Amino acid sequence: MSGSPGLADTAEHYRFRLFVAGTALRSLRAVESVRWICEAHFAGRYELEIVDIYQQPELAERDGIVAAPILLKIAPLPERRIAGDLLDADRILRGLNIPPATEAQR
């Protein structure tokens, strides 16, 4: 993933980890929704790691995940997490304590 030259100097870079449970419809919807939100709000300045708790249970255990879907904002600090319905962009941004993008940030 690469961004525009100089963009990293003026905007924060975000790291997310999305925990899903297999290929259930709820998991697939969560992946689609979170990818859309990341592209809409953080294009060129984010990393998204998707972890299937069935295939990588050690990662879920390490992060204290017992149910899915859960989205973690790893960076910038502080780390935040939001669980449950990950289809509402405004709810996700508020839950992760991410301010809405402004024209000055784009």
Protein backbone atom coordinates (compact mmCIF):
# COMPACT_ATOMS: atom_id res chain seq x y z
CA MET A 1 0.00 0.00 0.00
CA SER A 2 1.34 3.40 -0.88
CA GLY A 3 0.03 6.90 -0.52
CA SER A 4 0.63 10.22 -2.16
CA PRO A 5 4.05 11.77 -1.63
CA GLY A 6 4.07 13.83 1.53
CA LEU A 7 0.68 12.55 2.72
CA ALA A 8 2.23 10.56 5.55
CA ASP A 9 3.89 13.74 6.79
CA THR A 10 0.58 15.59 7.24
CA ALA A 11 -1.92 12.88 8.20
CA GLU A 12 -1.91 10.14 10.80
CA HIS A 13 -1.37 6.57 9.68
CA TYR A 14 -3.91 4.09 11.06
CA ARG A 15 -3.46 0.39 11.82
CA PHE A 16 -6.49 -1.83 12.27
CA ARG A 17 -6.96 -5.51 13.05
CA LEU A 18 -10.35 -7.04 12.26
CA PHE A 19 -11.24 -10.34 13.91
CA VAL A 20 -13.85 -12.44 12.11
CA ALA A 21 -15.27 -15.93 12.61
CA GLY A 22 -14.79 -17.91 9.42
CA THR A 23 -16.81 -17.17 6.30
CA ALA A 24 -20.16 -16.59 7.97
CA LEU A 25 -22.28 -13.89 6.36
CA ARG A 26 -21.76 -11.60 9.36
CA SER A 27 -17.98 -11.93 8.98
CA LEU A 28 -18.05 -11.26 5.25
CA ARG A 29 -20.22 -8.19 5.77
CA ALA A 30 -17.87 -6.91 8.47
CA VAL A 31 -14.84 -7.27 6.17
CA GLU A 32 -16.61 -5.49 3.32
CA SER A 33 -17.84 -2.69 5.57
CA VAL A 34 -14.52 -2.08 7.32
CA ARG A 35 -12.64 -2.06 3.99
CA TRP A 36 -15.12 0.49 2.63
CA ILE A 37 -14.79 2.68 5.75
CA CYS A 38 -11.00 2.54 5.58
CA GLU A 39 -10.94 3.53 1.92
CA ALA A 40 -13.52 6.28 2.43
CA HIS A 41 -11.84 7.82 5.49
CA PHE A 42 -8.17 6.76 5.45
CA ALA A 43 -7.25 6.08 1.80
CA GLY A 44 -3.50 5.72 1.46
CA ARG A 45 -2.86 5.98 5.19
CA TYR A 46 -4.04 2.75 6.78
CA GLU A 47 -3.20 -0.92 7.22
CA LEU A 48 -5.93 -3.48 7.76
CA GLU A 49 -5.11 -6.96 9.03
CA ILE A 50 -7.94 -9.48 8.91
CA VAL A 51 -7.72 -12.38 11.36
CA ASP A 52 -10.00 -15.42 11.29
CA ILE A 53 -10.29 -16.56 14.90
CA TYR A 54 -10.78 -20.16 13.74
CA GLN A 55 -7.61 -20.21 11.63
CA GLN A 56 -5.45 -18.12 13.98
CA PRO A 57 -6.80 -18.67 17.51
CA GLU A 58 -3.44 -17.72 19.04
CA LEU A 59 -3.80 -14.16 17.69
CA ALA A 60 -7.33 -13.91 19.08
CA GLU A 61 -6.12 -15.18 22.46
CA ARG A 62 -3.17 -12.75 22.45
CA ASP A 63 -5.54 -9.79 21.94
CA GLY A 64 -8.18 -11.10 24.35
CA ILE A 65 -10.78 -11.75 21.65
CA VAL A 66 -13.54 -14.18 22.60
CA ALA A 67 -16.17 -13.29 19.98
CA ALA A 68 -16.21 -11.81 16.50
CA PRO A 69 -16.46 -9.56 14.64
CA ILE A 70 -14.31 -7.10 16.56
CA LEU A 71 -12.30 -4.23 15.10
CA LEU A 72 -9.18 -3.01 16.90
CA LYS A 73 -7.55 0.34 16.20
CA ILE A 74 -3.92 -0.35 17.03
CA ALA A 75 -2.43 2.96 15.93
CA PRO A 76 -2.40 5.77 16.60
CA LEU A 77 -2.64 5.19 20.33
CA PRO A 78 -4.64 4.72 22.44
CA GLU A 79 -5.74 1.32 21.24
CA ARG A 80 -9.52 1.05 20.93
CA ARG A 81 -11.91 -1.74 19.98
CA ILE A 82 -15.47 -2.00 18.80
CA ALA A 83 -17.56 -5.16 18.62
CA GLY A 84 -20.82 -6.26 17.09
CA ASP A 85 -22.46 -4.69 14.08
CA LEU A 86 -19.69 -3.18 11.99
CA LEU A 87 -21.92 -1.80 9.24
CA ASP A 88 -22.47 1.73 10.59
CA ALA A 89 -19.47 3.92 9.68
CA ASP A 90 -20.39 6.75 12.08
CA ARG A 91 -20.78 4.30 15.00
CA ILE A 92 -17.42 2.71 14.19
CA LEU A 93 -15.58 6.03 13.94
CA ARG A 94 -17.12 7.26 17.21
CA GLY A 95 -16.41 3.96 18.95
CA LEU A 96 -12.77 4.05 17.90
CA ASN A 97 -12.52 7.73 18.88
CA ILE A 98 -11.57 8.78 15.34
CA PRO A 99 -12.58 12.30 14.35
CA PRO A 100 -14.42 12.63 11.03
CA ALA A 101 -12.20 13.56 8.11
CA THR A 102 -12.13 17.21 7.19
CA GLU A 103 -11.10 18.79 3.91
CA ALA A 104 -7.88 20.00 5.57
CA GLN A 105 -6.93 16.41 6.44
CA ARG A 106 -7.48 15.09 2.90
